[in-house]
Amino acid sequence: MRYFVSLTVVLAVLWLGLSGVYKPLLFGLGAASIVLVVWLTERMEVLGAEHDPATLSWRLPVYWVWLMWQVIKSNIAVARAVLDPRRIEPMLVELPADQRTRVGRVTYGNSITLTPGTVTTRFETDGDGIQIHALLPEAAEDLRRGEMARRVRWLEGDG
């Protein structure tokens, strides 16, 4: 039950924060959407100790701020590459995915894909590897240094 309450609270806060429009009809639609998502989550049996939104606590907003900064920096790098195509050197890179949970590995893969100039091309939720396509050598090198992987492990509660 705790998991469903924490999911409901996280979804409500997210919806209220992203909506920006606070009218009775939209409150009703938002509440109906949250109830539907929580019901589907229960029906699919995907919410539990490993997927509890409350376990991320204060670390999630801190990670989001860091990730947004990475997205901004990558946008600038890709824009420069568009203006100077000689910088583009597409490559496939194998990286370790040493997060301790499946949710951590999925978060890592999604974070890579959200960052312009990189996309996750192969991913094993139960394995320990991830393959990414990088448009620029510096994007591949940033991922090889492991800062994003370390931040996702921190998000999981390591460190």
N, C-alpha and C. Protein backbone atom coordinates (compact mmCIF):
# COMPACT_ATOMS: atom_id res chain seq x y z
N MET A 1 0.82 -1.20 0.00
CA MET A 1 0.00 0.00 0.00
C MET A 1 0.87 1.27 0.00
N ARG A 2 1.98 1.22 0.72
CA ARG A 2 2.87 2.37 0.80
C ARG A 2 3.36 2.77 -0.59
N TYR A 3 3.61 1.77 -1.44
CA TYR A 3 4.12 2.05 -2.78
C TYR A 3 3.10 2.81 -3.61
N PHE A 4 1.82 2.44 -3.47
CA PHE A 4 0.78 3.10 -4.24
C PHE A 4 0.54 4.53 -3.75
N VAL A 5 0.66 4.73 -2.46
CA VAL A 5 0.52 6.08 -1.92
C VAL A 5 1.67 6.96 -2.41
N SER A 6 2.89 6.43 -2.35
CA SER A 6 4.04 7.24 -2.78
C SER A 6 3.96 7.50 -4.29
N LEU A 7 3.50 6.53 -5.09
CA LEU A 7 3.35 6.75 -6.52
C LEU A 7 2.29 7.82 -6.77
N THR A 8 1.20 7.76 -6.06
CA THR A 8 0.13 8.75 -6.21
C THR A 8 0.64 10.15 -5.88
N VAL A 9 1.37 10.28 -4.79
CA VAL A 9 1.90 11.58 -4.40
C VAL A 9 2.89 12.10 -5.44
N VAL A 10 3.81 11.24 -5.89
CA VAL A 10 4.80 11.67 -6.89
C VAL A 10 4.11 12.10 -8.18
N LEU A 11 3.13 11.33 -8.65
CA LEU A 11 2.41 11.69 -9.87
C LEU A 11 1.63 12.99 -9.71
N ALA A 12 1.01 13.17 -8.54
CA ALA A 12 0.24 14.39 -8.31
C ALA A 12 1.15 15.62 -8.30
N VAL A 13 2.27 15.53 -7.61
CA VAL A 13 3.20 16.65 -7.56
C VAL A 13 3.76 16.94 -8.96
N LEU A 14 4.11 15.90 -9.69
CA LEU A 14 4.62 16.08 -11.05
C LEU A 14 3.55 16.72 -11.94
N TRP A 15 2.34 16.21 -11.85
CA TRP A 15 1.26 16.76 -12.67
C TRP A 15 1.01 18.22 -12.33
N LEU A 16 0.92 18.54 -11.06
CA LEU A 16 0.68 19.92 -10.65
C LEU A 16 1.81 20.84 -11.08
N GLY A 17 3.03 20.34 -10.98
CA GLY A 17 4.19 21.15 -11.36
C GLY A 17 4.28 21.39 -12.86
N LEU A 18 3.92 20.40 -13.64
CA LEU A 18 4.04 20.54 -15.09
C LEU A 18 2.82 21.18 -15.73
N SER A 19 1.66 21.05 -15.11
CA SER A 19 0.41 21.55 -15.68
C SER A 19 0.39 23.06 -15.75
N GLY A 20 0.52 23.71 -14.62
CA GLY A 20 0.49 25.16 -14.59
C GLY A 20 -0.90 25.75 -14.76
N VAL A 21 -1.91 24.92 -15.00
CA VAL A 21 -3.28 25.40 -15.14
C VAL A 21 -4.10 24.72 -14.05
N TYR A 22 -4.73 25.51 -13.21
CA TYR A 22 -5.42 24.96 -12.05
C TYR A 22 -6.90 25.31 -12.10
N LYS A 23 -7.63 24.61 -12.95
CA LYS A 23 -9.08 24.78 -13.09
C LYS A 23 -9.75 23.47 -12.68
N PRO A 24 -10.98 23.54 -12.22
CA PRO A 24 -11.66 22.33 -11.73
C PRO A 24 -11.67 21.17 -12.73
N LEU A 25 -11.94 21.46 -13.99
CA LEU A 25 -11.97 20.39 -14.99
C LEU A 25 -10.60 19.72 -15.11
N LEU A 26 -9.56 20.52 -15.13
CA LEU A 26 -8.22 19.95 -15.27
C LEU A 26 -7.79 19.20 -14.01
N PHE A 27 -8.22 19.68 -12.83
CA PHE A 27 -7.97 18.93 -11.60
C PHE A 27 -8.63 17.55 -11.69
N GLY A 28 -9.84 17.53 -12.17
CA GLY A 28 -10.56 16.26 -12.32
C GLY A 28 -9.89 15.33 -13.31
N LEU A 29 -9.47 15.87 -14.44
CA LEU A 29 -8.79 15.05 -15.45
C LEU A 29 -7.44 14.56 -14.92
N GLY A 30 -6.75 15.43 -14.21
CA GLY A 30 -5.47 15.01 -13.62
C GLY A 30 -5.66 13.91 -12.59
N ALA A 31 -6.65 14.06 -11.74
CA ALA A 31 -6.93 13.03 -10.73
C ALA A 31 -7.32 11.71 -11.40
N ALA A 32 -8.15 11.79 -12.45
CA ALA A 32 -8.54 10.57 -13.16
C ALA A 32 -7.32 9.91 -13.81
N SER A 33 -6.43 10.71 -14.36
CA SER A 33 -5.21 10.16 -14.97
C SER A 33 -4.35 9.46 -13.94
N ILE A 34 -4.21 10.08 -12.78
CA ILE A 34 -3.39 9.49 -11.71
C ILE A 34 -4.00 8.18 -11.24
N VAL A 35 -5.32 8.17 -11.04
CA VAL A 35 -6.00 6.94 -10.61
C VAL A 35 -5.80 5.85 -11.66
N LEU A 36 -5.92 6.19 -12.93
CA LEU A 36 -5.74 5.21 -14.01
C LEU A 36 -4.32 4.65 -14.01
N VAL A 37 -3.32 5.52 -13.86
CA VAL A 37 -1.93 5.06 -13.86
C VAL A 37 -1.65 4.16 -12.66
N VAL A 38 -2.14 4.54 -11.50
CA VAL A 38 -1.92 3.72 -10.30
C VAL A 38 -2.63 2.38 -10.45
N TRP A 39 -3.84 2.39 -10.99
CA TRP A 39 -4.56 1.13 -11.21
C TRP A 39 -3.83 0.24 -12.21
N LEU A 40 -3.37 0.82 -13.32
CA LEU A 40 -2.62 0.04 -14.32
C LEU A 40 -1.32 -0.51 -13.73
N THR A 41 -0.67 0.29 -12.92
CA THR A 41 0.57 -0.14 -12.28
C THR A 41 0.32 -1.34 -11.37
N GLU A 42 -0.78 -1.28 -10.62
CA GLU A 42 -1.13 -2.41 -9.75
C GLU A 42 -1.49 -3.63 -10.59
N ARG A 43 -2.25 -3.42 -11.62
CA ARG A 43 -2.70 -4.53 -12.49
C ARG A 43 -1.52 -5.20 -13.19
N MET A 44 -0.52 -4.41 -13.57
CA MET A 44 0.66 -4.97 -14.25
C MET A 44 1.67 -5.53 -13.27
N GLU A 45 1.46 -5.29 -12.00
CA GLU A 45 2.35 -5.78 -10.94
C GLU A 45 3.79 -5.30 -11.13
N VAL A 46 3.93 -4.01 -11.41
CA VAL A 46 5.28 -3.46 -11.63
C VAL A 46 5.74 -2.55 -10.50
N LEU A 47 4.92 -2.40 -9.48
CA LEU A 47 5.32 -1.52 -8.39
C LEU A 47 5.64 -2.36 -7.17
N GLY A 48 6.80 -2.11 -6.61
CA GLY A 48 7.22 -2.85 -5.43
C GLY A 48 8.41 -2.16 -4.80
N ALA A 49 9.13 -2.88 -3.98
CA ALA A 49 10.26 -2.29 -3.26
C ALA A 49 11.31 -1.72 -4.20
N GLU A 50 11.56 -2.40 -5.32
CA GLU A 50 12.58 -1.93 -6.26
C GLU A 50 12.11 -0.71 -7.04
N HIS A 51 10.82 -0.55 -7.20
CA HIS A 51 10.28 0.52 -8.03
C HIS A 51 9.54 1.57 -7.21
N ASP A 52 9.79 1.64 -5.94
CA ASP A 52 9.09 2.57 -5.07
C ASP A 52 9.57 3.99 -5.33
N PRO A 53 8.68 4.88 -5.79
CA PRO A 53 9.10 6.25 -6.06
C PRO A 53 9.66 6.96 -4.83
N ALA A 54 9.22 6.60 -3.66
CA ALA A 54 9.68 7.27 -2.44
C ALA A 54 11.14 6.97 -2.12
N THR A 55 11.68 5.87 -2.65
CA THR A 55 13.06 5.53 -2.33
C THR A 55 14.06 6.49 -2.99
N LEU A 56 13.61 7.19 -4.01
CA LEU A 56 14.51 8.12 -4.68
C LEU A 56 14.66 9.42 -3.91
N SER A 57 13.69 9.74 -3.08
CA SER A 57 13.69 10.89 -2.18
C SER A 57 14.22 12.15 -2.84
N TRP A 58 15.06 12.85 -2.12
CA TRP A 58 15.59 14.13 -2.57
C TRP A 58 16.62 13.98 -3.68
N ARG A 59 17.11 12.80 -3.91
CA ARG A 59 18.16 12.62 -4.91
C ARG A 59 17.66 12.83 -6.35
N LEU A 60 16.39 12.51 -6.59
CA LEU A 60 15.87 12.61 -7.95
C LEU A 60 15.90 14.04 -8.49
N PRO A 61 15.39 15.04 -7.77
CA PRO A 61 15.49 16.41 -8.31
C PRO A 61 16.94 16.87 -8.52
N VAL A 62 17.83 16.45 -7.63
CA VAL A 62 19.25 16.80 -7.79
C VAL A 62 19.79 16.18 -9.07
N TYR A 63 19.43 14.91 -9.33
CA TYR A 63 19.87 14.24 -10.56
C TYR A 63 19.28 14.93 -11.79
N TRP A 64 18.00 15.30 -11.72
CA TRP A 64 17.36 15.96 -12.86
C TRP A 64 18.06 17.27 -13.21
N VAL A 65 18.45 18.04 -12.21
CA VAL A 65 19.15 19.30 -12.47
C VAL A 65 20.48 19.01 -13.17
N TRP A 66 21.21 18.00 -12.66
CA TRP A 66 22.47 17.64 -13.28
C TRP A 66 22.25 17.17 -14.73
N LEU A 67 21.22 16.34 -14.94
CA LEU A 67 20.93 15.83 -16.28
C LEU A 67 20.53 16.95 -17.23
N MET A 68 19.74 17.90 -16.75
CA MET A 68 19.36 19.04 -17.61
C MET A 68 20.59 19.81 -18.06
N TRP A 69 21.56 19.98 -17.15
CA TRP A 69 22.80 20.67 -17.52
C TRP A 69 23.54 19.88 -18.59
N GLN A 70 23.55 18.55 -18.48
CA GLN A 70 24.21 17.72 -19.48
C GLN A 70 23.51 17.84 -20.83
N VAL A 71 22.18 17.91 -20.81
CA VAL A 71 21.41 18.07 -22.05
C VAL A 71 21.73 19.41 -22.70
N ILE A 72 21.83 20.45 -21.92
CA ILE A 72 22.18 21.78 -22.46
C ILE A 72 23.56 21.76 -23.09
N LYS A 73 24.54 21.20 -22.37
CA LYS A 73 25.91 21.13 -22.91
C LYS A 73 25.94 20.31 -24.20
N SER A 74 25.22 19.20 -24.23
CA SER A 74 25.21 18.35 -25.42
C SER A 74 24.51 19.03 -26.58
N ASN A 75 23.45 19.79 -26.30
CA ASN A 75 22.78 20.55 -27.35
C ASN A 75 23.74 21.52 -28.02
N ILE A 76 24.54 22.20 -27.21
CA ILE A 76 25.52 23.14 -27.76
C ILE A 76 26.55 22.41 -28.62
N ALA A 77 27.04 21.26 -28.13
CA ALA A 77 28.04 20.50 -28.89
C ALA A 77 27.46 20.00 -30.22
N VAL A 78 26.22 19.53 -30.20
CA VAL A 78 25.60 19.04 -31.45
C VAL A 78 25.35 20.21 -32.40
N ALA A 79 24.93 21.35 -31.87
CA ALA A 79 24.73 22.52 -32.73
C ALA A 79 26.03 22.95 -33.40
N ARG A 80 27.12 22.91 -32.64
CA ARG A 80 28.43 23.24 -33.24
C ARG A 80 28.81 22.23 -34.32
N ALA A 81 28.48 20.96 -34.07
CA ALA A 81 28.80 19.93 -35.06
C ALA A 81 27.97 20.10 -36.33
N VAL A 82 26.75 20.56 -36.20
CA VAL A 82 25.92 20.81 -37.38
C VAL A 82 26.53 21.94 -38.21
N LEU A 83 27.08 22.94 -37.53
CA LEU A 83 27.71 24.05 -38.25
C LEU A 83 29.07 23.67 -38.82
N ASP A 84 29.72 22.68 -38.23
CA ASP A 84 31.02 22.20 -38.71
C ASP A 84 30.98 20.67 -38.76
N PRO A 85 30.43 20.10 -39.84
CA PRO A 85 30.22 18.65 -39.92
C PRO A 85 31.51 17.82 -39.86
N ARG A 86 32.67 18.44 -40.01
CA ARG A 86 33.91 17.66 -39.91
C ARG A 86 34.10 17.09 -38.51
N ARG A 87 33.44 17.67 -37.53
CA ARG A 87 33.56 17.18 -36.14
C ARG A 87 32.78 15.88 -35.91
N ILE A 88 31.85 15.58 -36.80
CA ILE A 88 30.99 14.41 -36.61
C ILE A 88 31.76 13.14 -36.94
N GLU A 89 31.84 12.23 -35.99
CA GLU A 89 32.47 10.93 -36.16
C GLU A 89 31.60 9.88 -35.45
N PRO A 90 30.54 9.43 -36.12
CA PRO A 90 29.63 8.49 -35.46
C PRO A 90 30.36 7.20 -35.06
N MET A 91 29.98 6.66 -33.90
CA MET A 91 30.62 5.43 -33.44
C MET A 91 29.70 4.69 -32.49
N LEU A 92 29.89 3.38 -32.42
CA LEU A 92 29.22 2.55 -31.43
C LEU A 92 30.19 2.27 -30.30
N VAL A 93 29.71 2.39 -29.07
CA VAL A 93 30.56 2.22 -27.90
C VAL A 93 29.88 1.25 -26.94
N GLU A 94 30.65 0.30 -26.43
CA GLU A 94 30.16 -0.61 -25.39
C GLU A 94 30.56 -0.04 -24.03
N LEU A 95 29.60 0.03 -23.13
CA LEU A 95 29.87 0.56 -21.80
C LEU A 95 29.35 -0.42 -20.75
N PRO A 96 29.97 -0.44 -19.59
CA PRO A 96 29.41 -1.24 -18.51
C PRO A 96 28.18 -0.54 -17.93
N ALA A 97 27.21 -1.34 -17.55
CA ALA A 97 26.02 -0.81 -16.86
C ALA A 97 26.01 -1.48 -15.49
N ASP A 98 26.74 -0.92 -14.56
CA ASP A 98 26.95 -1.57 -13.27
C ASP A 98 26.04 -1.03 -12.17
N GLN A 99 24.88 -0.51 -12.56
CA GLN A 99 23.92 -0.09 -11.55
C GLN A 99 23.38 -1.35 -10.87
N ARG A 100 22.93 -1.21 -9.64
CA ARG A 100 22.57 -2.41 -8.88
C ARG A 100 21.14 -2.88 -9.12
N THR A 101 20.28 -2.04 -9.71
CA THR A 101 18.89 -2.45 -9.96
C THR A 101 18.56 -2.31 -11.45
N ARG A 102 17.50 -3.00 -11.84
CA ARG A 102 17.02 -2.86 -13.23
C ARG A 102 16.55 -1.44 -13.49
N VAL A 103 15.90 -0.84 -12.50
CA VAL A 103 15.45 0.54 -12.66
C VAL A 103 16.65 1.47 -12.85
N GLY A 104 17.72 1.23 -12.14
CA GLY A 104 18.94 2.02 -12.30
C GLY A 104 19.52 1.89 -13.69
N ARG A 105 19.54 0.66 -14.22
CA ARG A 105 20.07 0.46 -15.57
C ARG A 105 19.18 1.12 -16.62
N VAL A 106 17.86 1.04 -16.42
CA VAL A 106 16.94 1.70 -17.35
C VAL A 106 17.10 3.21 -17.27
N THR A 107 17.26 3.74 -16.06
CA THR A 107 17.48 5.18 -15.89
C THR A 107 18.76 5.60 -16.60
N TYR A 108 19.80 4.79 -16.48
CA TYR A 108 21.07 5.08 -17.15
C TYR A 108 20.88 5.11 -18.67
N GLY A 109 20.24 4.08 -19.21
CA GLY A 109 20.00 4.02 -20.65
C GLY A 109 19.15 5.17 -21.14
N ASN A 110 18.10 5.52 -20.40
CA ASN A 110 17.25 6.63 -20.79
C ASN A 110 17.98 7.97 -20.69
N SER A 111 18.82 8.11 -19.68
CA SER A 111 19.58 9.36 -19.54
C SER A 111 20.53 9.54 -20.72
N ILE A 112 21.14 8.46 -21.17
CA ILE A 112 22.01 8.54 -22.35
C ILE A 112 21.21 8.97 -23.56
N THR A 113 20.04 8.37 -23.76
CA THR A 113 19.22 8.69 -24.92
C THR A 113 18.67 10.11 -24.85
N LEU A 114 18.39 10.61 -23.67
CA LEU A 114 17.89 11.99 -23.53
C LEU A 114 18.96 13.02 -23.86
N THR A 115 20.21 12.65 -23.77
CA THR A 115 21.30 13.57 -24.03
C THR A 115 21.55 13.65 -25.54
N PRO A 116 21.40 14.81 -26.15
CA PRO A 116 21.58 14.93 -27.60
C PRO A 116 22.95 14.43 -28.05
N GLY A 117 22.96 13.74 -29.18
CA GLY A 117 24.19 13.22 -29.75
C GLY A 117 24.50 11.80 -29.31
N THR A 118 23.71 11.25 -28.40
CA THR A 118 23.91 9.86 -27.98
C THR A 118 22.55 9.17 -27.91
N VAL A 119 22.57 7.88 -28.20
CA VAL A 119 21.35 7.08 -28.10
C VAL A 119 21.73 5.66 -27.68
N THR A 120 20.95 5.08 -26.82
CA THR A 120 21.17 3.71 -26.41
C THR A 120 20.65 2.80 -27.51
N THR A 121 21.52 1.92 -28.04
CA THR A 121 21.12 1.05 -29.15
C THR A 121 20.89 -0.40 -28.71
N ARG A 122 21.56 -0.84 -27.66
CA ARG A 122 21.36 -2.19 -27.14
C ARG A 122 21.48 -2.13 -25.64
N PHE A 123 20.56 -2.82 -24.99
CA PHE A 123 20.48 -2.70 -23.55
C PHE A 123 20.01 -4.02 -22.97
N GLU A 124 20.68 -4.47 -21.94
CA GLU A 124 20.29 -5.70 -21.28
C GLU A 124 19.93 -5.36 -19.84
N THR A 125 18.63 -5.50 -19.49
CA THR A 125 18.22 -5.15 -18.13
C THR A 125 18.81 -6.10 -17.10
N ASP A 126 19.09 -7.33 -17.48
CA ASP A 126 19.66 -8.28 -16.54
C ASP A 126 21.15 -8.50 -16.76
N GLY A 127 21.68 -7.90 -17.81
CA GLY A 127 23.10 -8.04 -18.09
C GLY A 127 23.89 -6.90 -17.50
N ASP A 128 25.12 -6.79 -17.94
CA ASP A 128 25.96 -5.73 -17.38
C ASP A 128 26.52 -4.82 -18.45
N GLY A 129 25.94 -4.84 -19.64
CA GLY A 129 26.47 -4.02 -20.71
C GLY A 129 25.40 -3.19 -21.38
N ILE A 130 25.87 -2.14 -22.02
CA ILE A 130 24.99 -1.25 -22.76
C ILE A 130 25.77 -0.76 -23.98
N GLN A 131 25.11 -0.69 -25.11
CA GLN A 131 25.76 -0.19 -26.32
C GLN A 131 25.11 1.15 -26.68
N ILE A 132 25.93 2.11 -26.97
CA ILE A 132 25.41 3.42 -27.34
C ILE A 132 25.98 3.86 -28.68
N HIS A 133 25.24 4.69 -29.37
CA HIS A 133 25.71 5.33 -30.58
C HIS A 133 26.00 6.78 -30.22
N ALA A 134 27.20 7.20 -30.49
CA ALA A 134 27.60 8.59 -30.21
C ALA A 134 27.91 9.29 -31.51
N LEU A 135 27.41 10.47 -31.65
CA LEU A 135 27.64 11.27 -32.85
C LEU A 135 29.01 11.93 -32.84
N LEU A 136 29.47 12.30 -31.65
CA LEU A 136 30.72 13.03 -31.50
C LEU A 136 31.69 12.27 -30.59
N PRO A 137 32.97 12.30 -30.88
CA PRO A 137 33.94 11.61 -30.02
C PRO A 137 33.92 12.09 -28.58
N GLU A 138 33.69 13.39 -28.35
CA GLU A 138 33.68 13.89 -26.98
C GLU A 138 32.48 13.36 -26.19
N ALA A 139 31.37 13.09 -26.88
CA ALA A 139 30.21 12.50 -26.19
C ALA A 139 30.53 11.08 -25.74
N ALA A 140 31.19 10.32 -26.61
CA ALA A 140 31.58 8.95 -26.25
C ALA A 140 32.59 8.97 -25.10
N GLU A 141 33.52 9.91 -25.15
CA GLU A 141 34.53 9.99 -24.09
C GLU A 141 33.90 10.37 -22.75
N ASP A 142 32.94 11.27 -22.78
CA ASP A 142 32.24 11.64 -21.53
C ASP A 142 31.59 10.40 -20.90
N LEU A 143 30.97 9.58 -21.73
CA LEU A 143 30.32 8.38 -21.20
C LEU A 143 31.35 7.36 -20.72
N ARG A 144 32.46 7.25 -21.42
CA ARG A 144 33.53 6.32 -21.00
C ARG A 144 34.10 6.73 -19.63
N ARG A 145 34.16 8.02 -19.37
CA ARG A 145 34.66 8.48 -18.07
C ARG A 145 33.77 8.02 -16.92
N GLY A 146 32.51 7.76 -17.22
CA GLY A 146 31.62 7.14 -16.24
C GLY A 146 30.92 8.08 -15.28
N GLU A 147 30.92 9.37 -15.54
CA GLU A 147 30.26 10.30 -14.63
C GLU A 147 28.75 10.05 -14.57
N MET A 148 28.13 9.82 -15.72
CA MET A 148 26.69 9.57 -15.72
C MET A 148 26.37 8.27 -14.99
N ALA A 149 27.16 7.23 -15.22
CA ALA A 149 26.94 5.95 -14.53
C ALA A 149 27.09 6.13 -13.03
N ARG A 150 28.08 6.90 -12.62
CA ARG A 150 28.29 7.15 -11.19
C ARG A 150 27.12 7.92 -10.59
N ARG A 151 26.60 8.89 -11.32
CA ARG A 151 25.46 9.68 -10.83
C ARG A 151 24.21 8.82 -10.68
N VAL A 152 24.01 7.89 -11.63
CA VAL A 152 22.84 7.01 -11.52
C VAL A 152 23.00 6.06 -10.34
N ARG A 153 24.21 5.57 -10.10
CA ARG A 153 24.44 4.74 -8.90
C ARG A 153 24.17 5.55 -7.63
N TRP A 154 24.57 6.81 -7.63
CA TRP A 154 24.28 7.69 -6.50
C TRP A 154 22.77 7.84 -6.33
N LEU A 155 22.07 8.00 -7.46
CA LEU A 155 20.61 8.13 -7.43
C LEU A 155 19.97 6.88 -6.80
N GLU A 156 20.55 5.72 -7.05
CA GLU A 156 20.05 4.48 -6.47
C GLU A 156 20.32 4.38 -4.97
N GLY A 157 21.18 5.24 -4.48
CA GLY A 157 21.47 5.22 -3.05
C GLY A 157 22.87 4.76 -2.72
N ASP A 158 23.71 4.54 -3.71
CA ASP A 158 25.10 4.15 -3.47
C ASP A 158 25.94 5.41 -3.32
N GLY A 159 26.53 5.59 -2.19
CA GLY A 159 27.44 6.72 -2.01
C GLY A 159 26.84 7.95 -1.45
